[in-house]
Amino acid sequence: MKVSLIQMKPLATPEENIVKIKEMLKQAKAEGADMAILPEMCCCPYENSAFVKYAMKRDSAFLAEIAETAKELGLYIVAGSVPLASDGKIYNAAFVYNDKGEQIALHRKTHLFDINVPGGQYFMESDTFTAGKDVTTFNTPWGKMGLIICYDIRFPELSRLLSLEGVQAIFVPAAFNMTTGPAHWEMSFCMRALDNQVFMAGCAPARDMDSSYNAWGHSIATDPWGSVIEQLDETEGILTVELDFSRVETVRQQLPLLKHRKTDMYDIILK
């Protein structure tokens, strides 16, 4: 399966962003992509005020256009994430559409990014968002896939639950910043891939130093051995990689980590 990570620089409004997104999705399809991943908050700036201003419902024009583009291009699309307005709350939510334009998954970010790094980044997602409780998988012609959002990757239990559900890859719309990105971005994707012997693919926004939130960029794909397949820099672009899922079984035979779990002593369960 070929996957394209769309590392775009978000513009000010959903209306502006959907124009750019559709053009970049067409480019990804031209590069042979079977699935495209958009970054976290692909519809607006990464700011609490923007999350409130542009909070959208499931039937919003922005999401409808992504679904229609999936159908037109015959492309699976992980629609980054958007501020989803539902039941009087706002969620950081990622939708998945199949190649017929049908919604096949929805993940509400489970772990909210509330952080205050001395001399570094300060940001409180919980000022706006409500946390989800999702362990999100979806089926494709290439196998079962998992979906998490950004800060979710730091909690190994969630990725392990997805692995135990039988996913071949975990897709991660994300927006690490200039403090956490250099320190932990690549390491996190390598370790979650190695721990769970799956492919990981993280799609970030391109860096915009004129924005209030400076993203690290560096969209990345890692393999079940924990190695980096390929990674972008901080600038806008598309990373298209081929995921050979026979590699999952090969690595699990060579290093049977999941079989060696001591479930007589411990286990990870979903309550």
C-alpha atoms as a PDB file:
ATOM      1  CA  MET A   1       0.000   0.000   0.000  1.00  0.00           C
ATOM      2  CA  LYS A   2       1.271   3.454  -0.884  1.00  0.00           C
ATOM      3  CA  VAL A   3       0.615   6.150   1.714  1.00  0.00           C
ATOM      4  CA  SER A   4       1.095   9.883   1.184  1.00  0.00           C
ATOM      5  CA  LEU A   5       1.668  12.175   4.165  1.00  0.00           C
ATOM      6  CA  ILE A   6       0.434  15.671   3.278  1.00  0.00           C
ATOM      7  CA  GLN A   7       2.702  18.107   5.128  1.00  0.00           C
ATOM      8  CA  MET A   8       0.874  21.351   4.435  1.00  0.00           C
ATOM      9  CA  LYS A   9       1.191  24.777   6.006  1.00  0.00           C
ATOM     10  CA  PRO A  10      -2.302  25.521   7.372  1.00  0.00           C
ATOM     11  CA  LEU A  11      -3.922  28.752   6.278  1.00  0.00           C
ATOM     12  CA  ALA A  12      -6.279  30.982   8.241  1.00  0.00           C
ATOM     13  CA  THR A  13      -9.686  29.453   7.440  1.00  0.00           C
ATOM     14  CA  PRO A  14     -11.277  26.127   6.476  1.00  0.00           C
ATOM     15  CA  GLU A  15     -12.338  27.655   3.152  1.00  0.00           C
ATOM     16  CA  GLU A  16      -8.740  28.504   2.267  1.00  0.00           C
ATOM     17  CA  ASN A  17      -7.387  25.207   3.535  1.00  0.00           C
ATOM     18  CA  ILE A  18      -9.780  22.982   1.599  1.00  0.00           C
ATOM     19  CA  VAL A  19      -8.542  24.472  -1.677  1.00  0.00           C
ATOM     20  CA  LYS A  20      -4.936  23.638  -0.785  1.00  0.00           C
ATOM     21  CA  ILE A  21      -5.883  20.211   0.591  1.00  0.00           C
ATOM     22  CA  LYS A  22      -7.688  19.179  -2.589  1.00  0.00           C
ATOM     23  CA  GLU A  23      -4.733  20.192  -4.756  1.00  0.00           C
ATOM     24  CA  MET A  24      -2.274  18.293  -2.567  1.00  0.00           C
ATOM     25  CA  LEU A  25      -4.539  15.227  -2.520  1.00  0.00           C
ATOM     26  CA  LYS A  26      -4.594  15.262  -6.320  1.00  0.00           C
ATOM     27  CA  GLN A  27      -0.809  15.389  -6.300  1.00  0.00           C
ATOM     28  CA  ALA A  28      -0.678  12.458  -3.871  1.00  0.00           C
ATOM     29  CA  LYS A  29      -2.962  10.419  -6.131  1.00  0.00           C
ATOM     30  CA  ALA A  30      -0.701  11.246  -9.082  1.00  0.00           C
ATOM     31  CA  GLU A  31       2.201   9.831  -7.052  1.00  0.00           C
ATOM     32  CA  GLY A  32       0.313   6.541  -6.782  1.00  0.00           C
ATOM     33  CA  ALA A  33      -1.107   6.882  -3.276  1.00  0.00           C
ATOM     34  CA  ASP A  34      -3.752   4.444  -2.075  1.00  0.00           C
ATOM     35  CA  MET A  35      -4.252   6.441   1.132  1.00  0.00           C
ATOM     36  CA  ALA A  36      -3.457  10.019   2.127  1.00  0.00           C
ATOM     37  CA  ILE A  37      -3.021  11.400   5.642  1.00  0.00           C
ATOM     38  CA  LEU A  38      -3.593  15.051   6.547  1.00  0.00           C
ATOM     39  CA  PRO A  39      -2.023  16.758   9.587  1.00  0.00           C
ATOM     40  CA  GLU A  40      -3.575  17.561  12.931  1.00  0.00           C
ATOM     41  CA  MET A  41      -5.842  20.619  12.702  1.00  0.00           C
ATOM     42  CA  CYS A  42      -5.650  20.726   8.919  1.00  0.00           C
ATOM     43  CA  CYS A  43      -8.543  23.183   8.702  1.00  0.00           C
ATOM     44  CA  CYS A  44      -7.303  26.091  10.827  1.00  0.00           C
ATOM     45  CA  PRO A  45      -4.391  27.484  12.871  1.00  0.00           C
ATOM     46  CA  TYR A  46      -3.375  25.489  15.961  1.00  0.00           C
ATOM     47  CA  GLU A  47      -4.866  27.970  18.441  1.00  0.00           C
ATOM     48  CA  ASN A  48      -7.619  27.550  21.019  1.00  0.00           C
ATOM     49  CA  SER A  49      -9.427  30.593  19.649  1.00  0.00           C
ATOM     50  CA  ALA A  50      -9.441  29.030  16.158  1.00  0.00           C
ATOM     51  CA  PHE A  51     -10.702  25.706  17.529  1.00  0.00           C
ATOM     52  CA  VAL A  52     -13.738  27.504  18.948  1.00  0.00           C
ATOM     53  CA  LYS A  53     -14.285  29.736  15.915  1.00  0.00           C
ATOM     54  CA  TYR A  54     -14.073  26.940  13.369  1.00  0.00           C
ATOM     55  CA  ALA A  55     -15.629  24.066  15.321  1.00  0.00           C
ATOM     56  CA  MET A  56     -17.632  22.074  12.778  1.00  0.00           C
ATOM     57  CA  LYS A  57     -20.267  19.367  12.710  1.00  0.00           C
ATOM     58  CA  ARG A  58     -19.949  15.997  10.959  1.00  0.00           C
ATOM     59  CA  ASP A  59     -21.928  17.285   7.980  1.00  0.00           C
ATOM     60  CA  SER A  60     -19.840  20.449   7.567  1.00  0.00           C
ATOM     61  CA  ALA A  61     -18.925  21.682   4.084  1.00  0.00           C
ATOM     62  CA  PHE A  62     -15.214  21.144   4.864  1.00  0.00           C
ATOM     63  CA  LEU A  63     -15.617  17.449   5.690  1.00  0.00           C
ATOM     64  CA  ALA A  64     -18.116  16.931   2.869  1.00  0.00           C
ATOM     65  CA  GLU A  65     -15.569  18.221   0.361  1.00  0.00           C
ATOM     66  CA  ILE A  66     -12.899  15.857   1.689  1.00  0.00           C
ATOM     67  CA  ALA A  67     -15.352  12.951   1.409  1.00  0.00           C
ATOM     68  CA  GLU A  68     -16.232  13.959  -2.142  1.00  0.00           C
ATOM     69  CA  THR A  69     -12.551  14.248  -3.041  1.00  0.00           C
ATOM     70  CA  ALA A  70     -11.945  10.733  -1.678  1.00  0.00           C
ATOM     71  CA  LYS A  71     -14.698   9.481  -3.990  1.00  0.00           C
ATOM     72  CA  GLU A  72     -13.521  11.468  -7.016  1.00  0.00           C
ATOM     73  CA  LEU A  73      -9.909  10.306  -6.660  1.00  0.00           C
ATOM     74  CA  GLY A  74     -10.651   6.767  -5.473  1.00  0.00           C
ATOM     75  CA  LEU A  75      -8.447   7.478  -2.462  1.00  0.00           C
ATOM     76  CA  TYR A  76      -8.652   6.532   1.212  1.00  0.00           C
ATOM     77  CA  ILE A  77      -8.202   9.715   3.279  1.00  0.00           C
ATOM     78  CA  VAL A  78      -7.400  10.167   6.960  1.00  0.00           C
ATOM     79  CA  ALA A  79      -8.716  13.694   7.241  1.00  0.00           C
ATOM     80  CA  GLY A  80      -6.107  14.952   9.682  1.00  0.00           C
ATOM     81  CA  SER A  81      -8.063  16.337  12.572  1.00  0.00           C
ATOM     82  CA  VAL A  82     -10.619  19.093  12.963  1.00  0.00           C
ATOM     83  CA  PRO A  83     -12.402  20.709  15.911  1.00  0.00           C
ATOM     84  CA  LEU A  84     -15.594  18.656  16.010  1.00  0.00           C
ATOM     85  CA  ALA A  85     -18.683  20.207  17.605  1.00  0.00           C
ATOM     86  CA  SER A  86     -20.862  17.482  19.110  1.00  0.00           C
ATOM     87  CA  ASP A  87     -23.302  17.351  22.027  1.00  0.00           C
ATOM     88  CA  GLY A  88     -22.329  20.821  23.213  1.00  0.00           C
ATOM     89  CA  LYS A  89     -18.624  19.899  23.355  1.00  0.00           C
ATOM     90  CA  ILE A  90     -15.624  20.281  21.068  1.00  0.00           C
ATOM     91  CA  TYR A  91     -13.330  17.359  20.276  1.00  0.00           C
ATOM     92  CA  ASN A  92     -10.019  17.125  18.455  1.00  0.00           C
ATOM     93  CA  ALA A  93     -11.290  14.576  15.954  1.00  0.00           C
ATOM     94  CA  ALA A  94     -10.004  12.697  12.911  1.00  0.00           C
ATOM     95  CA  PHE A  95     -12.342  11.227  10.293  1.00  0.00           C
ATOM     96  CA  VAL A  96     -11.445   8.486   7.821  1.00  0.00           C
ATOM     97  CA  TYR A  97     -13.109   8.168   4.396  1.00  0.00           C
ATOM     98  CA  ASN A  98     -12.824   5.234   2.028  1.00  0.00           C
ATOM     99  CA  ASP A  99     -12.368   5.428  -1.721  1.00  0.00           C
ATOM    100  CA  LYS A 100     -16.137   5.718  -2.179  1.00  0.00           C
ATOM    101  CA  GLY A 101     -16.303   8.789   0.045  1.00  0.00           C
ATOM    102  CA  GLU A 102     -17.912   6.918   2.939  1.00  0.00           C
ATOM    103  CA  GLN A 103     -16.943   7.689   6.540  1.00  0.00           C
ATOM    104  CA  ILE A 104     -15.447   4.498   8.006  1.00  0.00           C
ATOM    105  CA  ALA A 105     -13.845   5.756  11.232  1.00  0.00           C
ATOM    106  CA  LEU A 106     -13.771   8.608  13.725  1.00  0.00           C
ATOM    107  CA  HIS A 107     -11.146   9.095  16.424  1.00  0.00           C
ATOM    108  CA  ARG A 108     -11.517  11.680  19.162  1.00  0.00           C
ATOM    109  CA  LYS A 109      -8.112  12.529  20.657  1.00  0.00           C
ATOM    110  CA  THR A 110      -7.856  10.530  23.857  1.00  0.00           C
ATOM    111  CA  HIS A 111      -4.976  12.332  25.606  1.00  0.00           C
ATOM    112  CA  LEU A 112      -5.175  16.116  25.556  1.00  0.00           C
ATOM    113  CA  PHE A 113      -1.986  18.134  25.175  1.00  0.00           C
ATOM    114  CA  ASP A 114      -1.717  20.163  28.391  1.00  0.00           C
ATOM    115  CA  ILE A 115       1.909  21.124  28.799  1.00  0.00           C
ATOM    116  CA  ASN A 116       4.065  23.808  30.375  1.00  0.00           C
ATOM    117  CA  VAL A 117       7.765  23.309  29.596  1.00  0.00           C
ATOM    118  CA  PRO A 118       9.952  25.827  31.485  1.00  0.00           C
ATOM    119  CA  GLY A 119      11.588  27.980  28.841  1.00  0.00           C
ATOM    120  CA  GLY A 120       9.639  26.102  26.170  1.00  0.00           C
ATOM    121  CA  GLN A 121       6.103  25.482  25.004  1.00  0.00           C
ATOM    122  CA  TYR A 122       2.931  26.306  26.944  1.00  0.00           C
ATOM    123  CA  PHE A 123      -0.345  25.016  25.577  1.00  0.00           C
ATOM    124  CA  MET A 124      -3.564  23.738  27.190  1.00  0.00           C
ATOM    125  CA  GLU A 125      -5.862  21.804  24.852  1.00  0.00           C
ATOM    126  CA  SER A 126      -8.243  21.102  27.722  1.00  0.00           C
ATOM    127  CA  ASP A 127      -9.135  24.806  27.735  1.00  0.00           C
ATOM    128  CA  THR A 128     -11.176  23.967  24.630  1.00  0.00           C
ATOM    129  CA  PHE A 129     -11.362  20.250  23.956  1.00  0.00           C
ATOM    130  CA  THR A 130     -13.044  17.329  25.678  1.00  0.00           C
ATOM    131  CA  ALA A 131     -11.068  14.077  25.669  1.00  0.00           C
ATOM    132  CA  GLY A 132     -12.358  11.107  23.719  1.00  0.00           C
ATOM    133  CA  LYS A 133     -12.328   7.477  24.858  1.00  0.00           C
ATOM    134  CA  ASP A 134     -11.668   5.822  21.529  1.00  0.00           C
ATOM    135  CA  VAL A 135      -9.532   2.864  20.512  1.00  0.00           C
ATOM    136  CA  THR A 136      -9.994   3.379  16.803  1.00  0.00           C
ATOM    137  CA  THR A 137      -9.461   0.830  14.052  1.00  0.00           C
ATOM    138  CA  PHE A 138     -10.740   0.617  10.491  1.00  0.00           C
ATOM    139  CA  ASN A 139     -10.658  -1.990   7.764  1.00  0.00           C
ATOM    140  CA  THR A 140      -9.122  -1.540   4.325  1.00  0.00           C
ATOM    141  CA  PRO A 141      -8.322  -3.837   1.389  1.00  0.00           C
ATOM    142  CA  TRP A 142      -4.763  -3.985   2.789  1.00  0.00           C
ATOM    143  CA  GLY A 143      -5.752  -4.994   6.303  1.00  0.00           C
ATOM    144  CA  LYS A 144      -6.850  -3.434   9.578  1.00  0.00           C
ATOM    145  CA  MET A 145      -5.389  -0.018  10.468  1.00  0.00           C
ATOM    146  CA  GLY A 146      -5.257   2.030  13.670  1.00  0.00           C
ATOM    147  CA  LEU A 147      -5.674   5.759  14.255  1.00  0.00           C
ATOM    148  CA  ILE A 148      -4.459   8.033  17.059  1.00  0.00           C
ATOM    149  CA  ILE A 149      -3.782  11.788  17.262  1.00  0.00           C
ATOM    150  CA  CYS A 150      -0.496  13.434  18.251  1.00  0.00           C
ATOM    151  CA  TYR A 151      -0.126  13.317  22.080  1.00  0.00           C
ATOM    152  CA  ASP A 152      -1.795   9.887  22.069  1.00  0.00           C
ATOM    153  CA  ILE A 153       1.502   8.439  20.817  1.00  0.00           C
ATOM    154  CA  ARG A 154       3.194   9.183  24.149  1.00  0.00           C
ATOM    155  CA  PHE A 155       1.009   6.655  25.958  1.00  0.00           C
ATOM    156  CA  PRO A 156       2.169   3.180  24.918  1.00  0.00           C
ATOM    157  CA  GLU A 157      -0.943   1.479  26.252  1.00  0.00           C
ATOM    158  CA  LEU A 158      -3.112   2.926  23.459  1.00  0.00           C
ATOM    159  CA  SER A 159      -0.804   1.776  20.667  1.00  0.00           C
ATOM    160  CA  ARG A 160      -0.521  -1.631  22.338  1.00  0.00           C
ATOM    161  CA  LEU A 161      -4.313  -1.966  22.430  1.00  0.00           C
ATOM    162  CA  LEU A 162      -4.370  -1.236  18.693  1.00  0.00           C
ATOM    163  CA  SER A 163      -1.663  -3.815  18.099  1.00  0.00           C
ATOM    164  CA  LEU A 164      -3.611  -6.402  20.053  1.00  0.00           C
ATOM    165  CA  GLU A 165      -6.622  -5.565  17.876  1.00  0.00           C
ATOM    166  CA  GLY A 166      -4.545  -6.728  14.898  1.00  0.00           C
ATOM    167  CA  VAL A 167      -3.654  -3.503  13.102  1.00  0.00           C
ATOM    168  CA  GLN A 168      -0.904  -3.488  10.477  1.00  0.00           C
ATOM    169  CA  ALA A 169      -0.184   0.244  10.755  1.00  0.00           C
ATOM    170  CA  ILE A 170      -1.038   3.149  13.019  1.00  0.00           C
ATOM    171  CA  PHE A 171      -1.638   6.547  11.423  1.00  0.00           C
ATOM    172  CA  VAL A 172      -0.980   9.670  13.469  1.00  0.00           C
ATOM    173  CA  PRO A 173      -2.072  13.176  12.467  1.00  0.00           C
ATOM    174  CA  ALA A 174       0.142  15.248  14.760  1.00  0.00           C
ATOM    175  CA  ALA A 175       1.704  18.648  15.469  1.00  0.00           C
ATOM    176  CA  PHE A 176       4.713  18.339  17.772  1.00  0.00           C
ATOM    177  CA  ASN A 177       6.258  21.723  18.562  1.00  0.00           C
ATOM    178  CA  MET A 178       9.788  23.138  18.460  1.00  0.00           C
ATOM    179  CA  THR A 179      10.550  21.902  21.990  1.00  0.00           C
ATOM    180  CA  THR A 180       9.158  18.369  21.900  1.00  0.00           C
ATOM    181  CA  GLY A 181       9.765  17.747  18.205  1.00  0.00           C
ATOM    182  CA  PRO A 182      13.578  17.719  18.168  1.00  0.00           C
ATOM    183  CA  ALA A 183      13.632  15.758  21.427  1.00  0.00           C
ATOM    184  CA  HIS A 184      10.963  13.099  20.951  1.00  0.00           C
ATOM    185  CA  TRP A 185       9.289  13.036  17.502  1.00  0.00           C
ATOM    186  CA  GLU A 186      11.455  10.496  15.687  1.00  0.00           C
ATOM    187  CA  MET A 187      12.090   8.514  18.870  1.00  0.00           C
ATOM    188  CA  SER A 188       8.365   8.164  19.564  1.00  0.00           C
ATOM    189  CA  PHE A 189       7.579   6.794  16.126  1.00  0.00           C
ATOM    190  CA  CYS A 190      10.501   4.385  16.175  1.00  0.00           C
ATOM    191  CA  MET A 191       9.634   3.080  19.646  1.00  0.00           C
ATOM    192  CA  ARG A 192       5.887   2.614  19.069  1.00  0.00           C
ATOM    193  CA  ALA A 193       6.683   0.795  15.800  1.00  0.00           C
ATOM    194  CA  LEU A 194       9.246  -1.411  17.543  1.00  0.00           C
ATOM    195  CA  ASP A 195       7.122  -2.067  20.652  1.00  0.00           C
ATOM    196  CA  ASN A 196       4.137  -3.191  18.631  1.00  0.00           C
ATOM    197  CA  GLN A 197       5.842  -4.423  15.448  1.00  0.00           C
ATOM    198  CA  VAL A 198       3.661  -2.328  13.169  1.00  0.00           C
ATOM    199  CA  PHE A 199       4.201   0.472  10.690  1.00  0.00           C
ATOM    200  CA  MET A 200       3.761   3.989  12.063  1.00  0.00           C
ATOM    201  CA  ALA A 201       3.084   7.058   9.935  1.00  0.00           C
ATOM    202  CA  GLY A 202       2.983  10.565  11.413  1.00  0.00           C
ATOM    203  CA  CYS A 203       1.700  13.506   9.390  1.00  0.00           C
ATOM    204  CA  ALA A 204       2.542  16.969  10.702  1.00  0.00           C
ATOM    205  CA  PRO A 205       1.882  20.486   9.431  1.00  0.00           C
ATOM    206  CA  ALA A 206       4.744  22.347   7.803  1.00  0.00           C
ATOM    207  CA  ARG A 207       6.452  24.919  10.004  1.00  0.00           C
ATOM    208  CA  ASP A 208       5.172  28.489  10.018  1.00  0.00           C
ATOM    209  CA  MET A 209       7.293  30.792  12.178  1.00  0.00           C
ATOM    210  CA  ASP A 210       4.720  33.574  11.725  1.00  0.00           C
ATOM    211  CA  SER A 211       2.117  31.432  13.496  1.00  0.00           C
ATOM    212  CA  SER A 212       1.525  31.457  17.259  1.00  0.00           C
ATOM    213  CA  TYR A 213       2.237  27.687  17.280  1.00  0.00           C
ATOM    214  CA  ASN A 214       5.458  26.629  15.574  1.00  0.00           C
ATOM    215  CA  ALA A 215       5.194  23.017  14.394  1.00  0.00           C
ATOM    216  CA  TRP A 216       8.242  20.767  14.073  1.00  0.00           C
ATOM    217  CA  GLY A 217       7.098  19.264  10.767  1.00  0.00           C
ATOM    218  CA  HIS A 218       9.200  16.212   9.823  1.00  0.00           C
ATOM    219  CA  SER A 219       6.346  13.925   8.739  1.00  0.00           C
ATOM    220  CA  ILE A 220       7.675  10.393   9.138  1.00  0.00           C
ATOM    221  CA  ALA A 221       7.133   6.705   8.432  1.00  0.00           C
ATOM    222  CA  THR A 222       8.741   3.926  10.490  1.00  0.00           C
ATOM    223  CA  ASP A 223       8.681   0.156  10.013  1.00  0.00           C
ATOM    224  CA  PRO A 224       8.022  -2.787  12.375  1.00  0.00           C
ATOM    225  CA  TRP A 225      11.754  -3.105  13.115  1.00  0.00           C
ATOM    226  CA  GLY A 226      11.727   0.436  14.514  1.00  0.00           C
ATOM    227  CA  SER A 227      13.649   1.933  11.596  1.00  0.00           C
ATOM    228  CA  VAL A 228      12.859   5.193   9.821  1.00  0.00           C
ATOM    229  CA  ILE A 229      11.673   4.547   6.271  1.00  0.00           C
ATOM    230  CA  GLU A 230      11.710   8.201   5.297  1.00  0.00           C
ATOM    231  CA  GLN A 231      11.163  11.635   6.863  1.00  0.00           C
ATOM    232  CA  LEU A 232      10.573  15.142   5.551  1.00  0.00           C
ATOM    233  CA  ASP A 233      12.153  18.344   6.848  1.00  0.00           C
ATOM    234  CA  GLU A 234      10.104  21.279   8.138  1.00  0.00           C
ATOM    235  CA  THR A 235       8.937  22.630   4.766  1.00  0.00           C
ATOM    236  CA  GLU A 236       5.703  21.968   2.901  1.00  0.00           C
ATOM    237  CA  GLY A 237       5.661  18.795   0.841  1.00  0.00           C
ATOM    238  CA  ILE A 238       4.301  15.279   0.338  1.00  0.00           C
ATOM    239  CA  LEU A 239       5.999  12.123   1.582  1.00  0.00           C
ATOM    240  CA  THR A 240       4.834   9.034  -0.314  1.00  0.00           C
ATOM    241  CA  VAL A 241       6.048   5.672   0.987  1.00  0.00           C
ATOM    242  CA  GLU A 242       5.174   2.059   0.249  1.00  0.00           C
ATOM    243  CA  LEU A 243       4.213  -0.131   3.188  1.00  0.00           C
ATOM    244  CA  ASP A 244       4.857  -3.829   2.608  1.00  0.00           C
ATOM    245  CA  PHE A 245       2.707  -5.532   5.220  1.00  0.00           C
ATOM    246  CA  SER A 246       4.482  -8.865   4.802  1.00  0.00           C
ATOM    247  CA  ARG A 247       7.208  -7.113   6.792  1.00  0.00           C
ATOM    248  CA  VAL A 248       4.967  -7.164   9.882  1.00  0.00           C
ATOM    249  CA  GLU A 249       4.784 -10.948   9.990  1.00  0.00           C
ATOM    250  CA  THR A 250       8.470 -11.342   9.107  1.00  0.00           C
ATOM    251  CA  VAL A 251       9.570  -9.144  12.011  1.00  0.00           C
ATOM    252  CA  ARG A 252       7.155 -10.842  14.424  1.00  0.00           C
ATOM    253  CA  GLN A 253       8.646 -14.219  13.503  1.00  0.00           C
ATOM    254  CA  GLN A 254      12.213 -12.967  13.912  1.00  0.00           C
ATOM    255  CA  LEU A 255      11.505 -11.226  17.219  1.00  0.00           C
ATOM    256  CA  PRO A 256       8.284 -12.611  18.757  1.00  0.00           C
ATOM    257  CA  LEU A 257       7.712  -9.828  21.279  1.00  0.00           C
ATOM    258  CA  LEU A 258       3.942 -10.043  21.282  1.00  0.00           C
ATOM    259  CA  LYS A 259       4.009 -13.828  21.823  1.00  0.00           C
ATOM    260  CA  HIS A 260       6.381 -13.401  24.767  1.00  0.00           C
ATOM    261  CA  ARG A 261       4.086 -11.119  26.745  1.00  0.00           C
ATOM    262  CA  LYS A 262       3.552 -12.534  30.269  1.00  0.00           C
ATOM    263  CA  THR A 263      -0.203 -12.378  30.286  1.00  0.00           C
ATOM    264  CA  ASP A 264      -0.266 -14.688  33.282  1.00  0.00           C
ATOM    265  CA  MET A 265       1.356 -11.786  35.200  1.00  0.00           C
ATOM    266  CA  TYR A 266       0.006  -8.696  33.470  1.00  0.00           C
ATOM    267  CA  ASP A 267      -2.162  -7.560  30.596  1.00  0.00           C
ATOM    268  CA  ILE A 268      -3.469  -4.384  29.040  1.00  0.00           C
ATOM    269  CA  ILE A 269      -7.239  -4.327  28.907  1.00  0.00           C
ATOM    270  CA  LEU A 270      -9.826  -1.843  27.724  1.00  0.00           C
ATOM    271  CA  LYS A 271     -12.309  -0.880  30.426  1.00  0.00           C
END
